[in-house]
Amino acid sequence: MPATMTHRICLESWELLQVFRGPTIPREGKSLILEKDGQEKKYRVATVLYKLASSGELMATIFVAPA
């Protein structure tokens, strides 16, 4: 996967927390520390969905829940 790929990290409610670029997609069950409302918070990856973007690249949406 190219390093310029854009992915999204969302709460389980589809609320966007962060957009990131890069080839590394966290797996289900993995812990992440993300900044929300100016504070770092710990989340657990609940689900990862993949979708083919109009550009032909694969985009991942990572759904997280508070850990």
Protein backbone atom coordinates (compact mmCIF):
# COMPACT_ATOMS: atom_id res chain seq x y z
CA MET A 1 0.00 0.00 0.00
CA PRO A 2 1.48 3.41 -0.88
CA ALA A 3 2.66 5.65 1.98
CA THR A 4 0.36 8.43 0.74
CA MET A 5 -2.81 6.46 1.52
CA THR A 6 -5.34 8.34 3.64
CA HIS A 7 -7.25 6.47 6.36
CA ARG A 8 -9.79 7.50 8.98
CA ILE A 9 -10.10 6.69 12.68
CA CYS A 10 -13.68 7.06 13.95
CA LEU A 11 -15.56 6.30 17.12
CA GLU A 12 -18.03 3.44 16.74
CA SER A 13 -20.65 6.15 16.01
CA TRP A 14 -18.73 7.26 12.85
CA GLU A 15 -17.54 10.43 14.63
CA LEU A 16 -14.22 11.25 12.95
CA LEU A 17 -11.37 11.41 15.45
CA GLN A 18 -8.38 11.57 13.17
CA VAL A 19 -7.28 11.27 9.56
CA PHE A 20 -3.88 9.72 9.00
CA ARG A 21 -1.65 8.80 6.10
CA GLY A 22 0.53 5.77 5.83
CA PRO A 23 0.63 2.06 5.14
CA THR A 24 0.24 0.86 8.76
CA ILE A 25 -3.36 0.03 9.68
CA PRO A 26 -3.95 -1.02 13.32
CA ARG A 27 -5.60 -4.41 13.80
CA GLU A 28 -8.73 -5.23 15.79
CA GLY A 29 -8.07 -5.38 19.53
CA LYS A 30 -4.99 -3.12 19.31
CA SER A 31 -4.74 -0.14 21.70
CA LEU A 32 -4.24 3.37 20.36
CA ILE A 33 -3.57 6.68 22.09
CA LEU A 34 -5.32 9.50 20.24
CA GLU A 35 -5.78 13.17 20.96
CA LYS A 36 -9.38 14.29 21.44
CA ASP A 37 -10.48 17.66 22.80
CA GLY A 38 -6.85 18.55 23.52
CA GLN A 39 -6.25 15.48 25.68
CA GLU A 40 -4.69 12.13 24.90
CA LYS A 41 -7.09 9.25 25.40
CA LYS A 42 -6.70 5.50 25.07
CA TYR A 43 -8.91 3.60 22.60
CA ARG A 44 -9.25 -0.01 21.47
CA VAL A 45 -9.70 -0.87 17.79
CA ALA A 46 -13.16 -2.46 17.47
CA THR A 47 -13.50 -2.90 13.69
CA VAL A 48 -11.60 -2.09 10.51
CA LEU A 49 -13.51 -1.57 7.25
CA TYR A 50 -11.82 -1.31 3.86
CA LYS A 51 -13.27 0.54 0.88
CA LEU A 52 -11.96 1.13 -2.62
CA ALA A 53 -11.66 4.90 -3.16
CA SER A 54 -12.52 6.52 -6.50
CA SER A 55 -8.77 6.85 -7.12
CA GLY A 56 -8.49 3.05 -7.04
CA GLU A 57 -6.65 3.06 -3.70
CA LEU A 58 -7.82 1.10 -0.67
CA MET A 59 -8.99 3.28 2.22
CA ALA A 60 -9.42 1.97 5.77
CA THR A 61 -11.88 3.26 8.33
CA ILE A 62 -10.83 2.18 11.82
CA PHE A 63 -13.59 2.16 14.43
CA VAL A 64 -12.47 2.56 18.03
CA ALA A 65 -14.08 2.38 21.45
CA PRO A 66 -12.78 3.88 24.71
CA ALA A 67 -10.38 1.47 26.38
